[in-house]
Amino acid sequence: MTTSYVKEKATNKVLTSTNGQDQNNPIHVEAVNNFVISRGWSLDDYEVGFADDNVVKEWFDIQDEALKTYADKRKEEYPPIEDYLDGIVKGDTAQVDKYISDCLAVKTKFPKE
């Protein structure tokens, strides 16, 4: 399957996409161009095209990753708080120490900006 997309040339940012589009279908081509024109944008400033669905998904994934702050990245990698609480409840200092150590490793991996 292919996806139509609109990218801003200056930033290479994908602004929109639509799955299941056919680049050989004039109606789909016109619809993508009209998306740009209807917003008052110049077609010269935007790349309008078609690409494999997986390629466009990868573009969005890259954009999303670039927007993440250090805090977002930390949040994704911290161990579950339940591990800490479980260690406290059981009186397992090794488990608590491991949790703290794992958290400090994440802080080192993603320092404050």
C-alpha atoms as a PDB file:
ATOM      1  CA  MET A   1       0.000   0.000   0.000  1.00  0.00           C
ATOM      2  CA  THR A   2       1.052   3.549  -0.538  1.00  0.00           C
ATOM      3  CA  THR A   3       0.432   6.646   1.506  1.00  0.00           C
ATOM      4  CA  SER A   4       0.109  10.183   0.247  1.00  0.00           C
ATOM      5  CA  TYR A   5       2.040  12.746   2.233  1.00  0.00           C
ATOM      6  CA  VAL A   6       2.811  16.435   2.504  1.00  0.00           C
ATOM      7  CA  LYS A   7       6.230  17.465   3.810  1.00  0.00           C
ATOM      8  CA  GLU A   8       7.433  20.974   4.518  1.00  0.00           C
ATOM      9  CA  LYS A   9      10.592  21.382   2.419  1.00  0.00           C
ATOM     10  CA  ALA A  10      12.322  23.805   4.824  1.00  0.00           C
ATOM     11  CA  THR A  11      12.093  21.453   7.831  1.00  0.00           C
ATOM     12  CA  ASN A  12      11.452  18.089   6.173  1.00  0.00           C
ATOM     13  CA  LYS A  13       8.535  17.712   8.624  1.00  0.00           C
ATOM     14  CA  VAL A  14       5.673  15.477   7.503  1.00  0.00           C
ATOM     15  CA  LEU A  15       2.509  17.483   8.047  1.00  0.00           C
ATOM     16  CA  THR A  16      -0.106  14.958   6.991  1.00  0.00           C
ATOM     17  CA  SER A  17      -0.579  11.616   5.346  1.00  0.00           C
ATOM     18  CA  THR A  18      -3.391   9.422   4.108  1.00  0.00           C
ATOM     19  CA  ASN A  19      -3.126   5.650   3.833  1.00  0.00           C
ATOM     20  CA  GLY A  20      -4.403   3.615   0.924  1.00  0.00           C
ATOM     21  CA  GLN A  21      -3.695   6.174  -1.763  1.00  0.00           C
ATOM     22  CA  ASP A  22      -2.772   5.411  -5.378  1.00  0.00           C
ATOM     23  CA  GLN A  23      -0.242   7.703  -7.036  1.00  0.00           C
ATOM     24  CA  ASN A  24      -1.621   6.637 -10.423  1.00  0.00           C
ATOM     25  CA  ASN A  25      -5.105   7.828  -9.536  1.00  0.00           C
ATOM     26  CA  PRO A  26      -5.516  11.470 -10.632  1.00  0.00           C
ATOM     27  CA  ILE A  27      -8.187  12.032  -7.976  1.00  0.00           C
ATOM     28  CA  HIS A  28      -5.742  11.086  -5.199  1.00  0.00           C
ATOM     29  CA  VAL A  29      -3.005  13.299  -6.656  1.00  0.00           C
ATOM     30  CA  GLU A  30      -5.408  16.222  -6.928  1.00  0.00           C
ATOM     31  CA  ALA A  31      -6.649  15.682  -3.354  1.00  0.00           C
ATOM     32  CA  VAL A  32      -3.126  15.881  -1.946  1.00  0.00           C
ATOM     33  CA  ASN A  33      -2.339  19.027  -3.923  1.00  0.00           C
ATOM     34  CA  ASN A  34      -5.655  20.575  -2.867  1.00  0.00           C
ATOM     35  CA  PHE A  35      -4.773  19.943   0.790  1.00  0.00           C
ATOM     36  CA  VAL A  36      -1.806  22.293   0.395  1.00  0.00           C
ATOM     37  CA  ILE A  37      -3.565  24.854  -1.783  1.00  0.00           C
ATOM     38  CA  SER A  38      -6.703  25.006   0.411  1.00  0.00           C
ATOM     39  CA  ARG A  39      -4.571  26.169   3.316  1.00  0.00           C
ATOM     40  CA  GLY A  40      -3.088  28.999   1.308  1.00  0.00           C
ATOM     41  CA  TRP A  41       0.311  27.328   1.158  1.00  0.00           C
ATOM     42  CA  SER A  42       2.519  27.432  -1.897  1.00  0.00           C
ATOM     43  CA  LEU A  43       3.196  24.087  -3.574  1.00  0.00           C
ATOM     44  CA  ASP A  44       6.780  25.325  -4.045  1.00  0.00           C
ATOM     45  CA  ASP A  45       7.320  25.149  -0.270  1.00  0.00           C
ATOM     46  CA  TYR A  46       5.984  21.614   0.184  1.00  0.00           C
ATOM     47  CA  GLU A  47       6.868  18.182  -1.089  1.00  0.00           C
ATOM     48  CA  VAL A  48       3.703  16.391  -2.088  1.00  0.00           C
ATOM     49  CA  GLY A  49       4.027  12.750  -2.935  1.00  0.00           C
ATOM     50  CA  PHE A  50       3.394   9.092  -2.326  1.00  0.00           C
ATOM     51  CA  ALA A  51       5.486   6.535  -0.466  1.00  0.00           C
ATOM     52  CA  ASP A  52       5.197   3.084   1.015  1.00  0.00           C
ATOM     53  CA  ASP A  53       3.117   3.038   4.217  1.00  0.00           C
ATOM     54  CA  ASN A  54       6.074   1.783   6.257  1.00  0.00           C
ATOM     55  CA  VAL A  55       8.331   4.577   5.007  1.00  0.00           C
ATOM     56  CA  VAL A  56       5.845   7.263   6.020  1.00  0.00           C
ATOM     57  CA  LYS A  57       5.335   5.590   9.413  1.00  0.00           C
ATOM     58  CA  GLU A  58       9.103   5.653   9.920  1.00  0.00           C
ATOM     59  CA  TRP A  59       9.180   9.384   9.111  1.00  0.00           C
ATOM     60  CA  PHE A  60       6.549  10.028  11.792  1.00  0.00           C
ATOM     61  CA  ASP A  61       8.396   7.829  14.298  1.00  0.00           C
ATOM     62  CA  ILE A  62      11.605   9.814  13.713  1.00  0.00           C
ATOM     63  CA  GLN A  63       9.719  13.096  14.160  1.00  0.00           C
ATOM     64  CA  ASP A  64       8.087  11.865  17.370  1.00  0.00           C
ATOM     65  CA  GLU A  65      11.430  10.718  18.795  1.00  0.00           C
ATOM     66  CA  ALA A  66      13.029  14.080  18.012  1.00  0.00           C
ATOM     67  CA  LEU A  67      10.296  15.893  19.948  1.00  0.00           C
ATOM     68  CA  LYS A  68      10.791  13.885  23.135  1.00  0.00           C
ATOM     69  CA  THR A  69      12.390  15.654  26.071  1.00  0.00           C
ATOM     70  CA  TYR A  70      14.869  14.018  28.420  1.00  0.00           C
ATOM     71  CA  ALA A  71      11.958  13.555  30.834  1.00  0.00           C
ATOM     72  CA  ASP A  72       9.904  11.707  28.220  1.00  0.00           C
ATOM     73  CA  LYS A  73      12.829   9.402  27.451  1.00  0.00           C
ATOM     74  CA  ARG A  74      13.447   8.756  31.151  1.00  0.00           C
ATOM     75  CA  LYS A  75       9.802   7.949  31.785  1.00  0.00           C
ATOM     76  CA  GLU A  76       9.876   5.256  29.089  1.00  0.00           C
ATOM     77  CA  GLU A  77      12.935   3.541  30.582  1.00  0.00           C
ATOM     78  CA  TYR A  78      12.413   3.792  34.325  1.00  0.00           C
ATOM     79  CA  PRO A  79      11.631   0.438  35.940  1.00  0.00           C
ATOM     80  CA  PRO A  80       8.073   0.002  37.212  1.00  0.00           C
ATOM     81  CA  ILE A  81       7.462   1.628  40.597  1.00  0.00           C
ATOM     82  CA  GLU A  82       5.862  -1.658  41.668  1.00  0.00           C
ATOM     83  CA  ASP A  83       9.362  -3.191  41.771  1.00  0.00           C
ATOM     84  CA  TYR A  84      10.381  -0.632  44.390  1.00  0.00           C
ATOM     85  CA  LEU A  85       7.195  -1.004  46.415  1.00  0.00           C
ATOM     86  CA  ASP A  86       7.446  -4.783  46.313  1.00  0.00           C
ATOM     87  CA  GLY A  87      10.978  -4.556  47.694  1.00  0.00           C
ATOM     88  CA  ILE A  88       9.839  -2.239  50.489  1.00  0.00           C
ATOM     89  CA  VAL A  89       6.914  -4.471  51.461  1.00  0.00           C
ATOM     90  CA  LYS A  90       9.123  -7.586  51.485  1.00  0.00           C
ATOM     91  CA  GLY A  91      11.975  -5.798  53.253  1.00  0.00           C
ATOM     92  CA  ASP A  92      14.232  -6.822  50.345  1.00  0.00           C
ATOM     93  CA  THR A  93      16.988  -4.218  50.423  1.00  0.00           C
ATOM     94  CA  ALA A  94      18.730  -5.806  47.430  1.00  0.00           C
ATOM     95  CA  GLN A  95      15.581  -5.317  45.328  1.00  0.00           C
ATOM     96  CA  VAL A  96      15.218  -1.711  46.518  1.00  0.00           C
ATOM     97  CA  ASP A  97      18.903  -1.021  45.835  1.00  0.00           C
ATOM     98  CA  LYS A  98      18.568  -2.525  42.347  1.00  0.00           C
ATOM     99  CA  TYR A  99      15.562  -0.305  41.635  1.00  0.00           C
ATOM    100  CA  ILE A 100      17.474   2.787  42.745  1.00  0.00           C
ATOM    101  CA  SER A 101      20.511   1.724  40.721  1.00  0.00           C
ATOM    102  CA  ASP A 102      18.364   1.186  37.616  1.00  0.00           C
ATOM    103  CA  CYS A 103      16.800   4.643  38.038  1.00  0.00           C
ATOM    104  CA  LEU A 104      20.223   6.280  38.396  1.00  0.00           C
ATOM    105  CA  ALA A 105      21.394   4.525  35.225  1.00  0.00           C
ATOM    106  CA  VAL A 106      18.432   6.012  33.333  1.00  0.00           C
ATOM    107  CA  LYS A 107      19.236   9.465  34.715  1.00  0.00           C
ATOM    108  CA  THR A 108      22.828   9.060  33.500  1.00  0.00           C
ATOM    109  CA  LYS A 109      21.671   7.851  30.086  1.00  0.00           C
ATOM    110  CA  PHE A 110      19.326  10.820  29.673  1.00  0.00           C
ATOM    111  CA  PRO A 111      20.806  13.778  31.604  1.00  0.00           C
ATOM    112  CA  LYS A 112      18.812  16.957  32.139  1.00  0.00           C
ATOM    113  CA  GLU A 113      19.037  19.239  29.156  1.00  0.00           C
END
